[in-house]
Protein backbone atom coordinates (compact mmCIF):
# COMPACT_ATOMS: atom_id res chain seq x y z
CA MET A 1 -1.79 9.70 34.04
CA VAL A 2 0.84 6.99 34.10
CA VAL A 3 3.05 6.26 31.07
CA ILE A 4 5.10 3.01 30.72
CA GLY A 5 7.43 2.93 27.96
CA ASP A 6 10.86 3.87 26.34
CA LEU A 7 13.22 6.45 27.28
CA MET A 8 15.85 7.19 24.55
CA THR A 9 18.42 9.60 23.32
CA ASP A 10 17.59 10.52 19.70
CA SER A 11 20.57 11.36 17.25
CA VAL A 12 18.81 13.18 14.44
CA ALA A 13 20.91 13.10 11.19
CA ARG A 14 19.43 15.14 8.50
CA ALA A 15 21.10 14.87 4.96
CA PHE A 16 21.41 17.97 2.89
CA TYR A 17 21.87 16.01 -0.33
CA PRO A 18 21.22 12.42 -1.53
CA LEU A 19 22.98 9.88 0.48
CA ALA A 20 26.40 9.14 -1.01
CA ARG A 21 26.61 5.30 -0.38
CA GLY A 22 30.13 4.36 0.84
CA SER A 23 31.09 8.14 1.18
CA ASP A 24 30.35 11.34 3.11
CA THR A 25 27.15 13.33 2.79
CA PRO A 26 26.96 16.79 4.37
CA SER A 27 24.44 16.69 7.12
CA SER A 28 23.12 18.20 10.32
CA VAL A 29 23.32 15.95 13.39
CA GLN A 30 21.52 17.03 16.64
CA THR A 31 20.89 15.12 19.81
CA TYR A 32 17.54 15.27 21.83
CA GLY A 33 15.72 13.40 24.50
CA GLY A 34 13.39 10.74 22.90
CA GLY A 35 11.51 7.55 23.35
CA SER A 36 7.98 7.27 22.48
CA GLY A 37 6.64 6.73 25.83
CA ALA A 38 8.92 9.52 27.45
CA ASN A 39 7.74 11.90 24.67
CA VAL A 40 4.01 11.34 25.44
CA ALA A 41 4.76 11.90 29.01
CA ALA A 42 6.50 15.16 28.29
CA TRP A 43 3.69 16.60 26.12
CA LEU A 44 1.18 15.52 28.83
CA ALA A 45 3.00 17.34 31.52
CA MET A 46 3.25 20.41 29.31
CA GLU A 47 -0.53 20.21 28.93
CA GLY A 48 -0.80 20.43 32.67
CA VAL A 49 -1.55 16.69 33.37
CA ASP A 50 -0.21 15.10 36.50
CA THR A 51 2.06 12.54 34.78
CA THR A 52 4.22 9.81 36.14
CA PHE A 53 6.60 8.05 33.89
CA VAL A 54 7.82 4.53 34.57
CA GLY A 55 10.76 3.15 32.74
CA ARG A 56 14.57 2.02 32.86
CA ARG A 57 17.61 3.96 32.01
CA GLY A 58 21.46 3.26 32.21
CA SER A 59 23.87 4.27 34.84
CA ASP A 60 25.53 6.48 32.26
CA ILE A 61 25.65 10.30 32.20
CA THR A 62 23.19 10.28 29.19
CA GLY A 63 20.62 8.53 31.34
CA ARG A 64 21.02 11.02 34.16
CA THR A 65 20.59 13.79 31.52
CA ARG A 66 17.38 12.20 30.14
CA GLU A 67 15.98 11.74 33.67
CA MET A 68 16.68 15.44 34.60
CA GLU A 69 14.92 16.49 31.37
CA LEU A 70 11.80 14.62 32.43
CA MET A 71 11.89 16.16 35.94
CA GLY A 72 12.24 19.50 34.22
CA TYR A 73 8.79 18.98 32.56
CA GLY A 74 7.35 18.34 36.08
CA ILE A 75 7.06 14.59 35.44
CA ASP A 76 7.07 12.15 38.36
CA SER A 77 9.99 10.15 37.07
CA ARG A 78 10.07 6.52 38.30
CA LEU A 79 13.15 5.39 36.28
CA VAL A 80 15.11 2.22 37.54
CA MET A 81 18.76 2.39 36.84
CA ASP A 82 20.31 -0.58 35.06
CA PRO A 83 23.83 -1.36 36.07
CA GLU A 84 24.74 -3.06 32.93
CA ARG A 85 22.87 -1.78 29.80
CA PRO A 86 23.30 1.80 28.72
CA THR A 87 20.39 4.27 28.15
CA GLY A 88 18.55 3.45 24.79
CA THR A 89 19.56 5.31 21.62
CA CYS A 90 17.77 5.85 18.33
CA VAL A 91 19.59 7.18 15.26
CA VAL A 92 17.02 8.99 13.18
CA MET A 93 18.03 9.37 9.52
CA ILE A 94 16.18 12.18 7.43
CA THR A 95 16.95 12.25 3.76
CA HIS A 96 17.10 15.34 1.80
CA LYS A 97 13.58 14.65 0.82
CA GLY A 98 12.41 14.40 4.43
CA ASP A 99 12.09 10.54 4.54
CA ARG A 100 12.65 9.16 7.98
CA THR A 101 14.28 5.88 8.96
CA MET A 102 15.08 4.85 12.54
CA LEU A 103 17.77 2.59 13.91
CA SER A 104 17.02 1.76 17.45
CA ASP A 105 18.98 0.24 20.27
CA PRO A 106 16.63 -0.12 23.29
CA GLY A 107 19.42 -0.53 25.83
CA ALA A 108 18.14 -0.56 29.34
CA ASN A 109 14.56 -0.10 28.17
CA ALA A 110 14.59 -3.73 27.08
CA ARG A 111 15.35 -4.98 30.74
CA LEU A 112 12.20 -3.46 32.35
CA GLN A 113 11.16 -6.01 35.07
CA PRO A 114 7.90 -6.67 36.92
CA GLU A 115 9.67 -5.67 40.23
CA ASP A 116 10.33 -2.19 38.70
CA LEU A 117 6.72 -1.24 38.57
CA PRO A 118 5.81 1.12 41.46
CA ARG A 119 2.47 -0.39 42.98
CA ASP A 120 1.35 3.13 44.25
CA VAL A 121 0.75 4.57 40.85
CA PHE A 122 -2.01 1.98 39.96
CA GLY A 123 -5.52 2.96 41.23
CA PRO A 124 -9.05 3.51 39.91
CA ASP A 125 -8.63 7.31 39.45
CA GLY A 126 -5.71 6.89 36.98
CA HIS A 127 -5.12 6.33 33.39
CA LEU A 128 -2.39 4.03 31.98
CA HIS A 129 -0.94 4.68 28.67
CA MET A 130 1.35 1.81 27.39
CA SER A 131 4.07 2.21 24.71
CA ALA A 132 3.90 -0.68 22.26
CA PHE A 133 7.63 -0.86 22.20
CA THR A 134 7.58 -2.27 25.83
CA LEU A 135 5.27 -4.99 24.84
CA ILE A 136 7.05 -5.86 21.54
CA ASN A 137 10.34 -6.24 23.15
CA PRO A 138 10.57 -9.84 24.48
CA ASP A 139 12.75 -8.80 27.52
CA SER A 140 10.32 -6.20 28.68
CA ARG A 141 7.06 -7.79 27.81
CA ARG A 142 6.55 -9.56 31.16
CA ALA A 143 6.69 -6.18 32.99
CA ALA A 144 4.28 -4.67 30.30
CA ARG A 145 1.77 -7.36 30.65
CA MET A 146 1.88 -7.33 34.41
CA ALA A 147 1.49 -3.41 34.25
CA LEU A 148 -1.72 -3.90 31.97
CA ARG A 149 -3.04 -6.56 34.25
CA MET A 150 -2.42 -4.44 37.46
CA ALA A 151 -4.27 -1.49 35.74
CA ARG A 152 -7.21 -3.61 34.92
CA GLU A 153 -7.37 -5.05 38.34
CA THR A 154 -7.24 -1.64 40.15
CA GLY A 155 -9.93 -0.13 37.66
CA MET A 156 -7.61 2.18 35.52
CA SER A 157 -8.57 3.09 32.15
CA ILE A 158 -5.97 1.97 29.49
CA SER A 159 -4.74 3.09 26.17
CA VAL A 160 -2.04 1.64 23.93
CA ASP A 161 -0.26 2.64 20.85
CA GLY A 162 0.95 0.52 17.86
CA GLY A 163 4.58 1.60 18.08
CA SER A 164 6.09 0.96 14.73
CA HIS A 165 4.81 -1.24 11.95
CA ALA A 166 8.02 -3.35 11.26
CA PRO A 167 8.50 -4.45 15.01
CA LEU A 168 4.79 -4.90 15.36
CA GLU A 169 4.77 -7.23 12.38
CA ARG A 170 7.63 -9.26 13.85
CA ALA A 171 5.77 -9.61 17.02
CA GLY A 172 2.67 -10.70 15.28
CA ALA A 173 -0.79 -9.17 15.13
CA GLU A 174 -2.62 -11.84 17.14
CA ASN A 175 -0.11 -11.67 19.86
CA PHE A 176 -0.36 -7.87 20.17
CA LEU A 177 -4.16 -8.09 20.15
CA ASP A 178 -3.99 -10.75 22.89
CA TRP A 179 -1.49 -8.88 25.02
CA THR A 180 -3.59 -5.54 24.96
CA ASN A 181 -6.96 -7.19 25.79
CA GLY A 182 -8.88 -4.86 28.17
CA ALA A 183 -7.49 -1.59 26.73
CA ARG A 184 -10.27 0.92 26.02
CA LEU A 185 -8.31 2.90 23.22
CA LEU A 186 -5.75 2.09 20.58
CA PHE A 187 -3.71 4.59 18.67
CA ALA A 188 -2.20 3.53 15.44
CA ASN A 189 -1.13 4.85 11.96
CA PRO A 190 -2.27 3.32 8.83
CA GLN A 191 0.76 1.00 8.54
CA GLN A 192 0.15 -0.35 11.96
CA ALA A 193 -3.43 -0.80 11.34
CA LYS A 194 -2.68 -2.74 8.34
CA VAL A 195 -0.38 -5.04 10.20
CA LEU A 196 -3.15 -5.59 12.77
CA THR A 197 -5.93 -6.27 10.33
CA GLY A 198 -4.68 -6.79 6.97
CA ARG A 199 -6.86 -3.89 5.57
CA GLU A 200 -5.40 -1.28 3.28
CA GLU A 201 -7.96 1.30 4.02
CA PRO A 202 -7.66 3.05 7.34
CA GLU A 203 -11.38 3.38 7.85
CA ALA A 204 -11.91 -0.38 7.22
CA ALA A 205 -9.14 -1.29 9.55
CA ALA A 206 -10.41 1.04 12.26
CA LYS A 207 -13.77 -0.60 12.08
CA VAL A 208 -12.27 -4.12 12.23
CA LEU A 209 -10.10 -3.04 15.33
CA THR A 210 -13.26 -1.96 17.26
CA ALA A 211 -13.85 -5.69 17.68
CA TRP A 212 -10.89 -5.59 20.12
CA TYR A 213 -10.88 -2.02 21.40
CA PRO A 214 -13.98 0.18 22.36
CA SER A 215 -12.38 3.07 20.59
CA VAL A 216 -9.69 3.31 17.90
CA VAL A 217 -7.88 6.38 16.73
CA ILE A 218 -5.95 6.27 13.40
CA LYS A 219 -3.26 8.96 12.79
CA LEU A 220 -3.25 9.86 9.11
CA GLY A 221 -0.40 12.39 9.09
CA ASP A 222 -0.98 15.30 6.72
CA GLU A 223 -4.42 13.78 5.91
CA GLY A 224 -5.66 14.26 9.52
CA ALA A 225 -6.92 11.60 11.91
CA LEU A 226 -10.11 9.44 12.38
CA TRP A 227 -11.90 7.87 15.41
CA ALA A 228 -14.00 4.73 15.40
CA SER A 229 -16.23 3.19 18.09
CA LYS A 230 -17.51 -0.10 18.86
CA THR A 231 -20.95 1.38 19.62
CA ARG A 232 -21.28 3.59 16.46
CA ASP A 233 -21.24 2.88 12.87
CA ASP A 234 -20.03 6.28 11.69
CA LEU A 235 -16.54 7.44 11.95
CA GLU A 236 -15.36 11.04 13.16
CA THR A 237 -12.60 12.64 11.13
CA VAL A 238 -10.67 15.76 11.43
CA PRO A 239 -8.18 17.42 8.91
CA ALA A 240 -4.64 18.09 9.80
CA GLU A 241 -3.69 21.70 10.61
CA PRO A 242 -1.63 23.28 7.78
CA VAL A 243 1.95 23.61 8.88
CA GLU A 244 5.34 23.88 7.42
CA PRO A 245 7.35 21.32 9.45
CA SER A 246 10.63 22.11 10.93
CA PRO A 247 13.19 19.88 9.10
CA GLY A 248 14.33 18.06 12.34
CA SER A 249 10.74 17.42 13.71
CA ILE A 250 10.10 13.80 14.74
CA GLY A 251 7.49 13.78 17.58
CA ALA A 252 4.22 14.79 16.08
CA GLY A 253 2.62 11.23 16.61
CA ASP A 254 3.47 11.36 20.43
CA ALA A 255 2.32 14.83 20.80
CA PHE A 256 -1.00 13.85 19.11
CA ILE A 257 -1.61 11.05 21.77
CA ALA A 258 -0.98 13.57 24.44
CA GLY A 259 -3.27 16.09 22.88
CA PHE A 260 -6.14 13.47 22.54
CA LEU A 261 -5.97 11.69 25.85
CA PRO A 262 -6.92 14.38 28.49
CA SER A 263 -9.78 15.63 26.41
CA TRP A 264 -11.10 12.21 25.70
CA LEU A 265 -10.84 11.08 29.35
CA ALA A 266 -12.72 14.24 30.41
CA GLY A 267 -15.62 13.05 28.30
CA LYS A 268 -15.28 15.52 25.38
CA HIS A 269 -16.66 14.85 21.94
CA PRO A 270 -14.36 12.60 19.98
CA LYS A 271 -14.07 15.27 17.32
CA ASP A 272 -13.01 17.88 19.81
CA SER A 273 -10.37 15.41 21.10
CA LEU A 274 -9.12 14.82 17.64
CA THR A 275 -8.98 18.61 17.07
CA ARG A 276 -6.93 19.14 20.19
CA ALA A 277 -4.64 16.29 19.17
CA GLN A 278 -4.07 17.82 15.77
CA ALA A 279 -3.27 21.21 17.40
CA LEU A 280 -0.63 19.72 19.60
CA ALA A 281 0.83 17.59 16.76
CA ALA A 282 1.16 20.78 14.62
CA ARG A 283 2.97 22.41 17.52
CA ALA A 284 5.48 19.48 17.52
CA LEU A 285 5.90 19.89 13.88
CA HIS A 286 7.09 23.49 14.41
CA GLN A 287 10.16 22.46 16.33
CA PRO A 288 13.08 20.06 15.89
CA GLY A 289 13.26 16.88 18.26
CA ALA A 290 10.40 14.92 19.71
CA ARG A 291 9.43 16.84 22.92
CA PRO A 292 8.12 20.26 23.73
CA ASP A 293 10.76 23.11 23.97
CA LEU A 294 11.05 23.97 27.79
CA GLY A 295 11.70 27.50 26.61
CA ASP A 296 8.07 27.97 25.33
């Protein structure tokens, strides 16, 4: 499994009370390794999947720490060190009610270049998962599109995710659908699916998206998930596992992807793959941060 995407440091600030604008609010602030692409790679590796992660980090101590973390999961880390830009950072603000807002600085992620792509990881026996953030960012888009083209030309299967709905909307639905032409599988949540199709209902959006992707998975949060196929009229749905989330958990969507892919690629029934994905997402909700606990 080859994952191309973002490597970040997540600073998670959880407010204990309503935000006091222009003043101080008592909070808990913790730092974790993050980045959607790196998170998916970490969960895949913890599932026992042979995983390579391709990306870019800064030449700072933070970047070195993040790379050591990836190697700790057993990931084949193919990170290029950027001499100018720092390792990416995301400030995750969690209100006292649990609502999450992200402030992202992609840093070195935005400078991923076509020449950063290791040619030896592309081949017919592999699968490429592409983080939408690498495509959406204009400075890394050329590398992302080249990676998708190399994957198609070498016979790899391809999956992509929708990233985040606000930057996806800024990039444009038609552009994204064009850039990801040839992918076998799209992961999205209802907000991303609406951006791509204009449809409010996830079920309707999923069926529309099968005009571009043979398979579509919509992550519905605490309402479960659904799968749609170009070759079938009916949808497969599974409920979410009941779980009391850890207050600082932020990686359930990435864990979901890592739970779904190995099962789906092995030819398991979509409902079985969705069930495995929900189980891994539930595990992610039990812990703070976006990646599996290496102590488990």
